[in-house]
Amino acid sequence: MPIKIAPSILSARFDRLGDQVREAAEAGADMLHIDVMDGHFVPNLTMGPAIVKSIRALTKVPFDTHLMVTHPQDFVQ
């Protein structure tokens, strides 16, 4: 089984998120890892649906999304 590379956008600079998403895709990332935290299921709050939607428009690289949320069905379409 081949190794897949999925850099996490949680470590990206928020003021350069779009640029860094594109850079990861252009560098050959197989997918992008996105941690979605709602501040309830876990104490942290990170990217929500609006951010995920905005970066979806930047690349066709698949997303590997980790939903750390109380009601995951509210985050999936």
PDB file of N, CA and C in Angstrom:
ATOM      1  N   MET A   1       0.840  -1.172   0.000  1.00  0.00           N
ATOM      2  CA  MET A   1       0.000   0.000   0.000  1.00  0.00           C
ATOM      3  C   MET A   1       0.894   1.247   0.000  1.00  0.00           C
ATOM      4  N   PRO A   2       0.660   2.182  -0.904  1.00  0.00           N
ATOM      5  CA  PRO A   2       1.504   3.380  -0.962  1.00  0.00           C
ATOM      6  C   PRO A   2       1.223   4.321   0.213  1.00  0.00           C
ATOM      7  N   ILE A   3       2.235   5.051   0.603  1.00  0.00           N
ATOM      8  CA  ILE A   3       2.100   6.049   1.664  1.00  0.00           C
ATOM      9  C   ILE A   3       1.416   7.283   1.091  1.00  0.00           C
ATOM     10  N   LYS A   4       0.467   7.825   1.841  1.00  0.00           N
ATOM     11  CA  LYS A   4      -0.234   9.055   1.455  1.00  0.00           C
ATOM     12  C   LYS A   4       0.227  10.187   2.368  1.00  0.00           C
ATOM     13  N   ILE A   5       0.402  11.355   1.786  1.00  0.00           N
ATOM     14  CA  ILE A   5       0.807  12.539   2.538  1.00  0.00           C
ATOM     15  C   ILE A   5      -0.402  13.457   2.684  1.00  0.00           C
ATOM     16  N   ALA A   6      -0.740  13.798   3.955  1.00  0.00           N
ATOM     17  CA  ALA A   6      -1.901  14.647   4.245  1.00  0.00           C
ATOM     18  C   ALA A   6      -1.499  15.735   5.243  1.00  0.00           C
ATOM     19  N   PRO A   7      -0.907  16.837   4.761  1.00  0.00           N
ATOM     20  CA  PRO A   7      -0.534  17.901   5.690  1.00  0.00           C
ATOM     21  C   PRO A   7      -1.775  18.509   6.345  1.00  0.00           C
ATOM     22  N   SER A   8      -1.625  18.865   7.610  1.00  0.00           N
ATOM     23  CA  SER A   8      -2.731  19.458   8.361  1.00  0.00           C
ATOM     24  C   SER A   8      -2.748  20.964   8.162  1.00  0.00           C
ATOM     25  N   ILE A   9      -3.911  21.504   7.830  1.00  0.00           N
ATOM     26  CA  ILE A   9      -3.996  22.957   7.675  1.00  0.00           C
ATOM     27  C   ILE A   9      -4.098  23.662   9.022  1.00  0.00           C
ATOM     28  N   LEU A  10      -4.254  22.898  10.102  1.00  0.00           N
ATOM     29  CA  LEU A  10      -4.294  23.505  11.435  1.00  0.00           C
ATOM     30  C   LEU A  10      -2.981  24.220  11.743  1.00  0.00           C
ATOM     31  N   SER A  11      -1.898  23.770  11.135  1.00  0.00           N
ATOM     32  CA  SER A  11      -0.598  24.400  11.372  1.00  0.00           C
ATOM     33  C   SER A  11      -0.325  25.559  10.411  1.00  0.00           C
ATOM     34  N   ALA A  12      -1.252  25.832   9.503  1.00  0.00           N
ATOM     35  CA  ALA A  12      -1.072  26.942   8.559  1.00  0.00           C
ATOM     36  C   ALA A  12      -1.273  28.282   9.271  1.00  0.00           C
ATOM     37  N   ARG A  13      -0.648  29.297   8.738  1.00  0.00           N
ATOM     38  CA  ARG A  13      -0.897  30.659   9.235  1.00  0.00           C
ATOM     39  C   ARG A  13      -2.248  31.094   8.710  1.00  0.00           C
ATOM     40  N   PHE A  14      -3.133  31.518   9.593  1.00  0.00           N
ATOM     41  CA  PHE A  14      -4.486  31.863   9.174  1.00  0.00           C
ATOM     42  C   PHE A  14      -4.498  33.019   8.174  1.00  0.00           C
ATOM     43  N   ASP A  15      -3.559  33.958   8.318  1.00  0.00           N
ATOM     44  CA  ASP A  15      -3.513  35.085   7.387  1.00  0.00           C
ATOM     45  C   ASP A  15      -2.970  34.691   6.016  1.00  0.00           C
ATOM     46  N   ARG A  16      -2.457  33.456   5.891  1.00  0.00           N
ATOM     47  CA  ARG A  16      -1.947  32.955   4.610  1.00  0.00           C
ATOM     48  C   ARG A  16      -2.574  31.613   4.254  1.00  0.00           C
ATOM     49  N   LEU A  17      -3.737  31.330   4.821  1.00  0.00           N
ATOM     50  CA  LEU A  17      -4.351  30.017   4.668  1.00  0.00           C
ATOM     51  C   LEU A  17      -4.532  29.639   3.202  1.00  0.00           C
ATOM     52  N   GLY A  18      -5.073  30.526   2.399  1.00  0.00           N
ATOM     53  CA  GLY A  18      -5.277  30.226   0.983  1.00  0.00           C
ATOM     54  C   GLY A  18      -3.981  29.905   0.266  1.00  0.00           C
ATOM     55  N   ASP A  19      -2.971  30.737   0.484  1.00  0.00           N
ATOM     56  CA  ASP A  19      -1.665  30.502  -0.146  1.00  0.00           C
ATOM     57  C   ASP A  19      -1.073  29.173   0.297  1.00  0.00           C
ATOM     58  N   GLN A  20      -1.172  28.873   1.582  1.00  0.00           N
ATOM     59  CA  GLN A  20      -0.552  27.656   2.087  1.00  0.00           C
ATOM     60  C   GLN A  20      -1.313  26.400   1.666  1.00  0.00           C
ATOM     61  N   VAL A  21      -2.626  26.497   1.499  1.00  0.00           N
ATOM     62  CA  VAL A  21      -3.395  25.369   0.952  1.00  0.00           C
ATOM     63  C   VAL A  21      -2.935  25.093  -0.474  1.00  0.00           C
ATOM     64  N   ARG A  22      -2.816  26.146  -1.277  1.00  0.00           N
ATOM     65  CA  ARG A  22      -2.350  25.979  -2.661  1.00  0.00           C
ATOM     66  C   ARG A  22      -0.922  25.430  -2.699  1.00  0.00           C
ATOM     67  N   GLU A  23      -0.057  25.930  -1.834  1.00  0.00           N
ATOM     68  CA  GLU A  23       1.331  25.450  -1.788  1.00  0.00           C
ATOM     69  C   GLU A  23       1.393  23.960  -1.458  1.00  0.00           C
ATOM     70  N   ALA A  24       0.586  23.522  -0.505  1.00  0.00           N
ATOM     71  CA  ALA A  24       0.579  22.099  -0.138  1.00  0.00           C
ATOM     72  C   ALA A  24       0.108  21.248  -1.307  1.00  0.00           C
ATOM     73  N   ALA A  25      -0.933  21.704  -1.987  1.00  0.00           N
ATOM     74  CA  ALA A  25      -1.452  20.955  -3.135  1.00  0.00           C
ATOM     75  C   ALA A  25      -0.415  20.900  -4.258  1.00  0.00           C
ATOM     76  N   GLU A  26       0.208  22.030  -4.548  1.00  0.00           N
ATOM     77  CA  GLU A  26       1.201  22.087  -5.620  1.00  0.00           C
ATOM     78  C   GLU A  26       2.456  21.287  -5.278  1.00  0.00           C
ATOM     79  N   ALA A  27       2.737  21.117  -3.989  1.00  0.00           N
ATOM     80  CA  ALA A  27       3.910  20.345  -3.561  1.00  0.00           C
ATOM     81  C   ALA A  27       3.662  18.845  -3.638  1.00  0.00           C
ATOM     82  N   GLY A  28       2.419  18.452  -3.944  1.00  0.00           N
ATOM     83  CA  GLY A  28       2.130  17.034  -4.127  1.00  0.00           C
ATOM     84  C   GLY A  28       1.366  16.358  -3.010  1.00  0.00           C
ATOM     85  N   ALA A  29       0.761  17.127  -2.115  1.00  0.00           N
ATOM     86  CA  ALA A  29      -0.037  16.515  -1.046  1.00  0.00           C
ATOM     87  C   ALA A  29      -1.120  15.632  -1.664  1.00  0.00           C
ATOM     88  N   ASP A  30      -1.279  14.432  -1.120  1.00  0.00           N
ATOM     89  CA  ASP A  30      -2.318  13.519  -1.604  1.00  0.00           C
ATOM     90  C   ASP A  30      -3.696  13.942  -1.117  1.00  0.00           C
ATOM     91  N   MET A  31      -3.733  14.563   0.048  1.00  0.00           N
ATOM     92  CA  MET A  31      -4.969  15.084   0.624  1.00  0.00           C
ATOM     93  C   MET A  31      -4.580  16.125   1.661  1.00  0.00           C
ATOM     94  N   LEU A  32      -5.550  16.914   2.107  1.00  0.00           N
ATOM     95  CA  LEU A  32      -5.317  17.893   3.161  1.00  0.00           C
ATOM     96  C   LEU A  32      -6.099  17.462   4.391  1.00  0.00           C
ATOM     97  N   HIS A  33      -5.444  17.485   5.551  1.00  0.00           N
ATOM     98  CA  HIS A  33      -6.108  17.111   6.798  1.00  0.00           C
ATOM     99  C   HIS A  33      -6.687  18.364   7.444  1.00  0.00           C
ATOM    100  N   ILE A  34      -7.978  18.301   7.775  1.00  0.00           N
ATOM    101  CA  ILE A  34      -8.662  19.436   8.394  1.00  0.00           C
ATOM    102  C   ILE A  34      -9.254  18.976   9.720  1.00  0.00           C
ATOM    103  N   ASP A  35      -8.878  19.650  10.801  1.00  0.00           N
ATOM    104  CA  ASP A  35      -9.466  19.389  12.115  1.00  0.00           C
ATOM    105  C   ASP A  35     -10.586  20.398  12.341  1.00  0.00           C
ATOM    106  N   VAL A  36     -11.808  19.903  12.496  1.00  0.00           N
ATOM    107  CA  VAL A  36     -12.953  20.759  12.787  1.00  0.00           C
ATOM    108  C   VAL A  36     -13.332  20.509  14.245  1.00  0.00           C
ATOM    109  N   MET A  37     -13.210  21.548  15.072  1.00  0.00           N
ATOM    110  CA  MET A  37     -13.524  21.447  16.499  1.00  0.00           C
ATOM    111  C   MET A  37     -14.564  22.511  16.830  1.00  0.00           C
ATOM    112  N   ASP A  38     -15.580  22.119  17.612  1.00  0.00           N
ATOM    113  CA  ASP A  38     -16.698  23.027  17.864  1.00  0.00           C
ATOM    114  C   ASP A  38     -16.670  23.744  19.209  1.00  0.00           C
ATOM    115  N   GLY A  39     -15.672  23.480  20.044  1.00  0.00           N
ATOM    116  CA  GLY A  39     -15.617  24.129  21.346  1.00  0.00           C
ATOM    117  C   GLY A  39     -16.503  23.470  22.389  1.00  0.00           C
ATOM    118  N   HIS A  40     -17.247  22.425  21.998  1.00  0.00           N
ATOM    119  CA  HIS A  40     -18.110  21.694  22.934  1.00  0.00           C
ATOM    120  C   HIS A  40     -17.595  20.273  23.140  1.00  0.00           C
ATOM    121  N   PHE A  41     -17.465  19.518  22.052  1.00  0.00           N
ATOM    122  CA  PHE A  41     -16.959  18.142  22.130  1.00  0.00           C
ATOM    123  C   PHE A  41     -15.533  18.133  22.652  1.00  0.00           C
ATOM    124  N   VAL A  42     -14.770  19.098  22.199  1.00  0.00           N
ATOM    125  CA  VAL A  42     -13.422  19.360  22.716  1.00  0.00           C
ATOM    126  C   VAL A  42     -13.372  20.848  23.065  1.00  0.00           C
ATOM    127  N   PRO A  43     -12.492  21.271  23.958  1.00  0.00           N
ATOM    128  CA  PRO A  43     -12.502  22.675  24.378  1.00  0.00           C
ATOM    129  C   PRO A  43     -12.015  23.659  23.310  1.00  0.00           C
ATOM    130  N   ASN A  44     -11.349  23.184  22.291  1.00  0.00           N
ATOM    131  CA  ASN A  44     -10.804  24.072  21.256  1.00  0.00           C
ATOM    132  C   ASN A  44     -11.868  24.406  20.217  1.00  0.00           C
ATOM    133  N   LEU A  45     -11.656  25.514  19.533  1.00  0.00           N
ATOM    134  CA  LEU A  45     -12.512  25.941  18.430  1.00  0.00           C
ATOM    135  C   LEU A  45     -11.604  26.214  17.242  1.00  0.00           C
ATOM    136  N   THR A  46     -11.864  25.531  16.116  1.00  0.00           N
ATOM    137  CA  THR A  46     -11.016  25.718  14.929  1.00  0.00           C
ATOM    138  C   THR A  46     -11.881  26.020  13.722  1.00  0.00           C
ATOM    139  N   MET A  47     -11.447  25.571  12.549  1.00  0.00           N
ATOM    140  CA  MET A  47     -12.142  25.835  11.309  1.00  0.00           C
ATOM    141  C   MET A  47     -13.549  25.250  11.325  1.00  0.00           C
ATOM    142  N   GLY A  48     -14.489  26.040  10.857  1.00  0.00           N
ATOM    143  CA  GLY A  48     -15.861  25.571  10.733  1.00  0.00           C
ATOM    144  C   GLY A  48     -16.234  25.409   9.274  1.00  0.00           C
ATOM    145  N   PRO A  49     -17.512  25.183   9.021  1.00  0.00           N
ATOM    146  CA  PRO A  49     -17.973  24.947   7.647  1.00  0.00           C
ATOM    147  C   PRO A  49     -17.632  26.073   6.669  1.00  0.00           C
ATOM    148  N   ALA A  50     -17.678  27.312   7.106  1.00  0.00           N
ATOM    149  CA  ALA A  50     -17.391  28.429   6.193  1.00  0.00           C
ATOM    150  C   ALA A  50     -15.939  28.391   5.709  1.00  0.00           C
ATOM    151  N   ILE A  51     -15.014  28.090   6.598  1.00  0.00           N
ATOM    152  CA  ILE A  51     -13.596  28.012   6.213  1.00  0.00           C
ATOM    153  C   ILE A  51     -13.366  26.819   5.296  1.00  0.00           C
ATOM    154  N   VAL A  52     -13.950  25.674   5.645  1.00  0.00           N
ATOM    155  CA  VAL A  52     -13.793  24.479   4.806  1.00  0.00           C
ATOM    156  C   VAL A  52     -14.337  24.755   3.408  1.00  0.00           C
ATOM    157  N   LYS A  53     -15.496  25.401   3.329  1.00  0.00           N
ATOM    158  CA  LYS A  53     -16.088  25.726   2.025  1.00  0.00           C
ATOM    159  C   LYS A  53     -15.182  26.675   1.235  1.00  0.00           C
ATOM    160  N   SER A  54     -14.604  27.654   1.903  1.00  0.00           N
ATOM    161  CA  SER A  54     -13.768  28.617   1.177  1.00  0.00           C
ATOM    162  C   SER A  54     -12.484  27.979   0.654  1.00  0.00           C
ATOM    163  N   ILE A  55     -11.894  27.050   1.400  1.00  0.00           N
ATOM    164  CA  ILE A  55     -10.679  26.419   0.885  1.00  0.00           C
ATOM    165  C   ILE A  55     -10.995  25.324  -0.133  1.00  0.00           C
ATOM    166  N   ARG A  56     -12.206  24.807  -0.105  1.00  0.00           N
ATOM    167  CA  ARG A  56     -12.597  23.802  -1.111  1.00  0.00           C
ATOM    168  C   ARG A  56     -12.472  24.397  -2.510  1.00  0.00           C
ATOM    169  N   ALA A  57     -12.770  25.682  -2.641  1.00  0.00           N
ATOM    170  CA  ALA A  57     -12.692  26.355  -3.939  1.00  0.00           C
ATOM    171  C   ALA A  57     -11.251  26.522  -4.428  1.00  0.00           C
ATOM    172  N   LEU A  58     -10.266  26.330  -3.558  1.00  0.00           N
ATOM    173  CA  LEU A  58      -8.868  26.566  -3.916  1.00  0.00           C
ATOM    174  C   LEU A  58      -8.160  25.365  -4.512  1.00  0.00           C
ATOM    175  N   THR A  59      -8.670  24.163  -4.269  1.00  0.00           N
ATOM    176  CA  THR A  59      -7.964  22.955  -4.700  1.00  0.00           C
ATOM    177  C   THR A  59      -8.926  21.796  -4.884  1.00  0.00           C
ATOM    178  N   LYS A  60      -8.537  20.872  -5.724  1.00  0.00           N
ATOM    179  CA  LYS A  60      -9.309  19.644  -5.909  1.00  0.00           C
ATOM    180  C   LYS A  60      -8.740  18.484  -5.091  1.00  0.00           C
ATOM    181  N   VAL A  61      -7.669  18.747  -4.335  1.00  0.00           N
ATOM    182  CA  VAL A  61      -7.080  17.727  -3.470  1.00  0.00           C
ATOM    183  C   VAL A  61      -8.150  17.291  -2.458  1.00  0.00           C
ATOM    184  N   PRO A  62      -8.325  15.988  -2.261  1.00  0.00           N
ATOM    185  CA  PRO A  62      -9.333  15.525  -1.291  1.00  0.00           C
ATOM    186  C   PRO A  62      -9.023  16.009   0.126  1.00  0.00           C
ATOM    187  N   PHE A  63     -10.072  16.165   0.922  1.00  0.00           N
ATOM    188  CA  PHE A  63      -9.933  16.535   2.326  1.00  0.00           C
ATOM    189  C   PHE A  63     -10.081  15.293   3.195  1.00  0.00           C
ATOM    190  N   ASP A  64      -9.213  15.165   4.167  1.00  0.00           N
ATOM    191  CA  ASP A  64      -9.316  14.165   5.229  1.00  0.00           C
ATOM    192  C   ASP A  64      -9.726  14.967   6.458  1.00  0.00           C
ATOM    193  N   THR A  65     -10.989  14.856   6.843  1.00  0.00           N
ATOM    194  CA  THR A  65     -11.532  15.743   7.868  1.00  0.00           C
ATOM    195  C   THR A  65     -11.787  15.003   9.170  1.00  0.00           C
ATOM    196  N   HIS A  66     -11.267  15.540  10.236  1.00  0.00           N
ATOM    197  CA  HIS A  66     -11.415  14.989  11.581  1.00  0.00           C
ATOM    198  C   HIS A  66     -12.457  15.850  12.296  1.00  0.00           C
ATOM    199  N   LEU A  67     -13.671  15.301  12.472  1.00  0.00           N
ATOM    200  CA  LEU A  67     -14.758  16.043  13.111  1.00  0.00           C
ATOM    201  C   LEU A  67     -14.753  15.781  14.612  1.00  0.00           C
ATOM    202  N   MET A  68     -14.279  16.747  15.362  1.00  0.00           N
ATOM    203  CA  MET A  68     -14.316  16.669  16.821  1.00  0.00           C
ATOM    204  C   MET A  68     -15.415  17.619  17.281  1.00  0.00           C
ATOM    205  N   VAL A  69     -16.649  17.200  16.999  1.00  0.00           N
ATOM    206  CA  VAL A  69     -17.827  18.033  17.230  1.00  0.00           C
ATOM    207  C   VAL A  69     -18.912  17.205  17.912  1.00  0.00           C
ATOM    208  N   THR A  70     -19.811  17.885  18.609  1.00  0.00           N
ATOM    209  CA  THR A  70     -20.879  17.208  19.334  1.00  0.00           C
ATOM    210  C   THR A  70     -21.888  16.560  18.399  1.00  0.00           C
ATOM    211  N   HIS A  71     -22.254  17.247  17.323  1.00  0.00           N
ATOM    212  CA  HIS A  71     -23.249  16.734  16.381  1.00  0.00           C
ATOM    213  C   HIS A  71     -22.648  16.680  14.972  1.00  0.00           C
ATOM    214  N   PRO A  72     -21.870  15.640  14.660  1.00  0.00           N
ATOM    215  CA  PRO A  72     -21.195  15.590  13.357  1.00  0.00           C
ATOM    216  C   PRO A  72     -22.151  15.634  12.171  1.00  0.00           C
ATOM    217  N   GLN A  73     -23.368  15.142  12.331  1.00  0.00           N
ATOM    218  CA  GLN A  73     -24.330  15.161  11.229  1.00  0.00           C
ATOM    219  C   GLN A  73     -24.639  16.595  10.777  1.00  0.00           C
ATOM    220  N   ASP A  74     -24.428  17.578  11.629  1.00  0.00           N
ATOM    221  CA  ASP A  74     -24.660  18.976  11.262  1.00  0.00           C
ATOM    222  C   ASP A  74     -23.539  19.539  10.389  1.00  0.00           C
ATOM    223  N   PHE A  75     -22.437  18.809  10.269  1.00  0.00           N
ATOM    224  CA  PHE A  75     -21.279  19.299   9.533  1.00  0.00           C
ATOM    225  C   PHE A  75     -21.059  18.582   8.207  1.00  0.00           C
ATOM    226  N   VAL A  76     -21.867  17.584   7.899  1.00  0.00           N
ATOM    227  CA  VAL A  76     -21.667  16.775   6.697  1.00  0.00           C
ATOM    228  C   VAL A  76     -22.805  17.025   5.722  1.00  0.00           C
ATOM    229  N   GLN A  77     -22.440  17.222   4.453  1.00  0.00           N
ATOM    230  CA  GLN A  77     -23.456  17.396   3.397  1.00  0.00           C
ATOM    231  C   GLN A  77     -23.353  16.265   2.419  1.00  0.00           C
TER     232      GLN A  77
END
